[in-house]
Amino acid sequence: MCKILHVEDDPVISTFVERVLARQPGATLLSASTGAQALRVAREESPDLVLLDLRLPDMPGTAVFRRLREDPETRGIPVVITTGGGFPGEVQRLLAEGAAGCLEKPIDLNALRDLVGSFSEAATE
């Protein structure tokens, strides 16, 4: 079973990801709509993957990413950035700092399924 923490404040995108992952064998979805909530859930639930939006209402996604990396409890969790464009250099910096990948919004259904499938396989090995 692969636990995925989706950090997103847009309810339309959250619902889309929830519906896609409901049909993904072996995937369990955890959700957070703020950075603070994401940090708490990541520590409490130890997900196998975090899908992290860069634009959150309480703090930038870059800050959430860096806090996840600084915390010994969460530093090993792969983080995939989700972004609707923003600053191209920002995504490149996060990839250089260890982000596991990036999904551009609008999120492609097949790309999301493939990504989750690859992490689900790794989580069961």
C-alpha atoms as a PDB file:
ATOM      1  CA  MET A   1       0.000   0.000   0.000  1.00  0.00           C
ATOM      2  CA  CYS A   2       1.332   3.441  -1.004  1.00  0.00           C
ATOM      3  CA  LYS A   3       0.284   6.421   1.140  1.00  0.00           C
ATOM      4  CA  ILE A   4       0.259   9.669  -0.806  1.00  0.00           C
ATOM      5  CA  LEU A   5      -0.030  13.080   0.831  1.00  0.00           C
ATOM      6  CA  HIS A   6      -1.547  15.590  -1.592  1.00  0.00           C
ATOM      7  CA  VAL A   7      -0.940  19.192  -0.519  1.00  0.00           C
ATOM      8  CA  GLU A   8      -3.285  21.457  -2.475  1.00  0.00           C
ATOM      9  CA  ASP A   9      -5.590  24.350  -1.568  1.00  0.00           C
ATOM     10  CA  ASP A  10      -7.626  24.343  -4.802  1.00  0.00           C
ATOM     11  CA  PRO A  11     -10.715  22.144  -4.241  1.00  0.00           C
ATOM     12  CA  VAL A  12     -11.111  21.393  -7.969  1.00  0.00           C
ATOM     13  CA  ILE A  13      -7.581  20.023  -8.255  1.00  0.00           C
ATOM     14  CA  SER A  14      -7.939  18.154  -4.952  1.00  0.00           C
ATOM     15  CA  THR A  15     -11.125  16.475  -6.167  1.00  0.00           C
ATOM     16  CA  PHE A  16      -9.492  15.540  -9.487  1.00  0.00           C
ATOM     17  CA  VAL A  17      -6.505  13.903  -7.767  1.00  0.00           C
ATOM     18  CA  GLU A  18      -8.797  12.189  -5.259  1.00  0.00           C
ATOM     19  CA  ARG A  19     -10.891  10.669  -8.062  1.00  0.00           C
ATOM     20  CA  VAL A  20      -7.843   9.519 -10.026  1.00  0.00           C
ATOM     21  CA  LEU A  21      -6.203   7.929  -6.996  1.00  0.00           C
ATOM     22  CA  ALA A  22      -9.442   6.249  -5.880  1.00  0.00           C
ATOM     23  CA  ARG A  23      -9.055   4.083  -9.004  1.00  0.00           C
ATOM     24  CA  GLN A  24      -5.335   3.463  -8.455  1.00  0.00           C
ATOM     25  CA  PRO A  25      -4.712   0.018  -6.959  1.00  0.00           C
ATOM     26  CA  GLY A  26      -2.653   0.117  -3.782  1.00  0.00           C
ATOM     27  CA  ALA A  27      -2.878   3.892  -3.276  1.00  0.00           C
ATOM     28  CA  THR A  28      -4.216   5.617  -0.173  1.00  0.00           C
ATOM     29  CA  LEU A  29      -4.717   9.381  -0.289  1.00  0.00           C
ATOM     30  CA  LEU A  30      -4.038  11.792   2.564  1.00  0.00           C
ATOM     31  CA  SER A  31      -4.884  15.462   2.025  1.00  0.00           C
ATOM     32  CA  ALA A  32      -3.731  18.830   3.343  1.00  0.00           C
ATOM     33  CA  SER A  33      -4.735  22.295   2.174  1.00  0.00           C
ATOM     34  CA  THR A  34      -2.100  24.328   4.038  1.00  0.00           C
ATOM     35  CA  GLY A  35       1.610  24.046   4.599  1.00  0.00           C
ATOM     36  CA  ALA A  36       1.228  23.699   8.365  1.00  0.00           C
ATOM     37  CA  GLN A  37      -1.283  20.896   7.941  1.00  0.00           C
ATOM     38  CA  ALA A  38       1.009  19.175   5.418  1.00  0.00           C
ATOM     39  CA  LEU A  39       3.958  19.222   7.821  1.00  0.00           C
ATOM     40  CA  ARG A  40       1.816  17.782  10.613  1.00  0.00           C
ATOM     41  CA  VAL A  41       0.305  15.013   8.455  1.00  0.00           C
ATOM     42  CA  ALA A  42       3.720  14.114   7.011  1.00  0.00           C
ATOM     43  CA  ARG A  43       5.150  13.631  10.520  1.00  0.00           C
ATOM     44  CA  GLU A  44       2.118  11.738  11.830  1.00  0.00           C
ATOM     45  CA  GLU A  45       1.408   9.500   8.816  1.00  0.00           C
ATOM     46  CA  SER A  46       4.842   8.999   7.169  1.00  0.00           C
ATOM     47  CA  PRO A  47       3.525   8.945   3.589  1.00  0.00           C
ATOM     48  CA  ASP A  48       5.440   7.201   0.817  1.00  0.00           C
ATOM     49  CA  LEU A  49       5.077  10.239  -1.463  1.00  0.00           C
ATOM     50  CA  VAL A  50       4.137  13.917  -1.146  1.00  0.00           C
ATOM     51  CA  LEU A  51       2.533  15.820  -4.030  1.00  0.00           C
ATOM     52  CA  LEU A  52       3.255  19.436  -3.066  1.00  0.00           C
ATOM     53  CA  ASP A  53       1.702  22.562  -4.552  1.00  0.00           C
ATOM     54  CA  LEU A  54       4.058  25.538  -4.534  1.00  0.00           C
ATOM     55  CA  ARG A  55       1.319  28.106  -3.859  1.00  0.00           C
ATOM     56  CA  LEU A  56      -0.352  27.567  -0.478  1.00  0.00           C
ATOM     57  CA  PRO A  57      -2.373  30.038   1.586  1.00  0.00           C
ATOM     58  CA  ASP A  58      -0.186  30.046   4.702  1.00  0.00           C
ATOM     59  CA  MET A  59       3.361  29.565   3.409  1.00  0.00           C
ATOM     60  CA  PRO A  60       5.174  28.940   0.150  1.00  0.00           C
ATOM     61  CA  GLY A  61       5.512  25.340  -0.976  1.00  0.00           C
ATOM     62  CA  THR A  62       9.276  25.911  -1.110  1.00  0.00           C
ATOM     63  CA  ALA A  63       9.244  26.462   2.661  1.00  0.00           C
ATOM     64  CA  VAL A  64       7.227  23.271   3.189  1.00  0.00           C
ATOM     65  CA  PHE A  65       9.692  21.355   1.008  1.00  0.00           C
ATOM     66  CA  ARG A  66      12.687  22.653   2.947  1.00  0.00           C
ATOM     67  CA  ARG A  67      11.078  21.910   6.310  1.00  0.00           C
ATOM     68  CA  LEU A  68      10.326  18.369   5.181  1.00  0.00           C
ATOM     69  CA  ARG A  69      14.002  17.999   4.217  1.00  0.00           C
ATOM     70  CA  GLU A  70      15.272  19.450   7.525  1.00  0.00           C
ATOM     71  CA  ASP A  71      13.138  17.179   9.728  1.00  0.00           C
ATOM     72  CA  PRO A  72      14.745  13.760  10.395  1.00  0.00           C
ATOM     73  CA  GLU A  73      11.232  12.229  10.529  1.00  0.00           C
ATOM     74  CA  THR A  74      10.327  13.378   6.993  1.00  0.00           C
ATOM     75  CA  ARG A  75      13.585  13.968   5.110  1.00  0.00           C
ATOM     76  CA  GLY A  76      13.434  10.619   3.302  1.00  0.00           C
ATOM     77  CA  ILE A  77       9.929  11.095   1.887  1.00  0.00           C
ATOM     78  CA  PRO A  78       9.998  11.740  -1.881  1.00  0.00           C
ATOM     79  CA  VAL A  79       8.365  15.049  -2.816  1.00  0.00           C
ATOM     80  CA  VAL A  80       6.948  15.776  -6.271  1.00  0.00           C
ATOM     81  CA  ILE A  81       6.238  19.436  -6.934  1.00  0.00           C
ATOM     82  CA  THR A  82       2.943  20.428  -8.575  1.00  0.00           C
ATOM     83  CA  THR A  83       2.831  23.847 -10.154  1.00  0.00           C
ATOM     84  CA  GLY A  84       0.730  25.865 -12.526  1.00  0.00           C
ATOM     85  CA  GLY A  85       3.698  27.642 -14.037  1.00  0.00           C
ATOM     86  CA  GLY A  86       5.078  30.097 -11.543  1.00  0.00           C
ATOM     87  CA  PHE A  87       8.786  30.641 -11.643  1.00  0.00           C
ATOM     88  CA  PRO A  88      10.695  28.097 -13.763  1.00  0.00           C
ATOM     89  CA  GLY A  89      13.880  28.698 -11.758  1.00  0.00           C
ATOM     90  CA  GLU A  90      12.057  27.818  -8.543  1.00  0.00           C
ATOM     91  CA  VAL A  91      11.198  24.310  -9.779  1.00  0.00           C
ATOM     92  CA  GLN A  92      14.746  23.786 -11.038  1.00  0.00           C
ATOM     93  CA  ARG A  93      16.177  24.790  -7.628  1.00  0.00           C
ATOM     94  CA  LEU A  94      13.869  22.360  -5.839  1.00  0.00           C
ATOM     95  CA  LEU A  95      14.813  19.556  -8.223  1.00  0.00           C
ATOM     96  CA  ALA A  96      18.478  20.353  -7.524  1.00  0.00           C
ATOM     97  CA  GLU A  97      17.700  20.247  -3.778  1.00  0.00           C
ATOM     98  CA  GLY A  98      16.256  16.749  -4.081  1.00  0.00           C
ATOM     99  CA  ALA A  99      12.639  17.004  -5.238  1.00  0.00           C
ATOM    100  CA  ALA A 100      11.675  13.707  -6.905  1.00  0.00           C
ATOM    101  CA  GLY A 101       9.961  15.373  -9.865  1.00  0.00           C
ATOM    102  CA  CYS A 102       7.457  17.929 -11.058  1.00  0.00           C
ATOM    103  CA  LEU A 103       3.911  17.703 -12.408  1.00  0.00           C
ATOM    104  CA  GLU A 104       2.657  20.737 -14.306  1.00  0.00           C
ATOM    105  CA  LYS A 105      -0.943  21.872 -13.830  1.00  0.00           C
ATOM    106  CA  PRO A 106      -3.350  21.120 -15.241  1.00  0.00           C
ATOM    107  CA  ILE A 107      -2.188  17.695 -14.143  1.00  0.00           C
ATOM    108  CA  ASP A 108      -2.182  15.110 -16.894  1.00  0.00           C
ATOM    109  CA  LEU A 109      -4.241  12.067 -15.879  1.00  0.00           C
ATOM    110  CA  ASN A 110      -1.797   9.537 -17.347  1.00  0.00           C
ATOM    111  CA  ALA A 111       1.268  11.276 -15.921  1.00  0.00           C
ATOM    112  CA  LEU A 112      -0.321  11.198 -12.448  1.00  0.00           C
ATOM    113  CA  ARG A 113      -1.219   7.515 -12.762  1.00  0.00           C
ATOM    114  CA  ASP A 114       2.277   6.627 -13.994  1.00  0.00           C
ATOM    115  CA  LEU A 115       3.926   8.603 -11.211  1.00  0.00           C
ATOM    116  CA  VAL A 116       1.811   7.048  -8.480  1.00  0.00           C
ATOM    117  CA  GLY A 117       2.254   3.610 -10.033  1.00  0.00           C
ATOM    118  CA  SER A 118       6.034   3.935  -9.908  1.00  0.00           C
ATOM    119  CA  PHE A 119       5.996   4.998  -6.249  1.00  0.00           C
ATOM    120  CA  SER A 120       3.439   2.295  -5.377  1.00  0.00           C
ATOM    121  CA  GLU A 121       5.770  -0.344  -6.799  1.00  0.00           C
ATOM    122  CA  ALA A 122       8.723   1.085  -4.867  1.00  0.00           C
ATOM    123  CA  ALA A 123       6.685   1.204  -1.635  1.00  0.00           C
ATOM    124  CA  THR A 124       5.855  -2.498  -1.869  1.00  0.00           C
ATOM    125  CA  GLU A 125       9.411  -3.653  -2.609  1.00  0.00           C
END
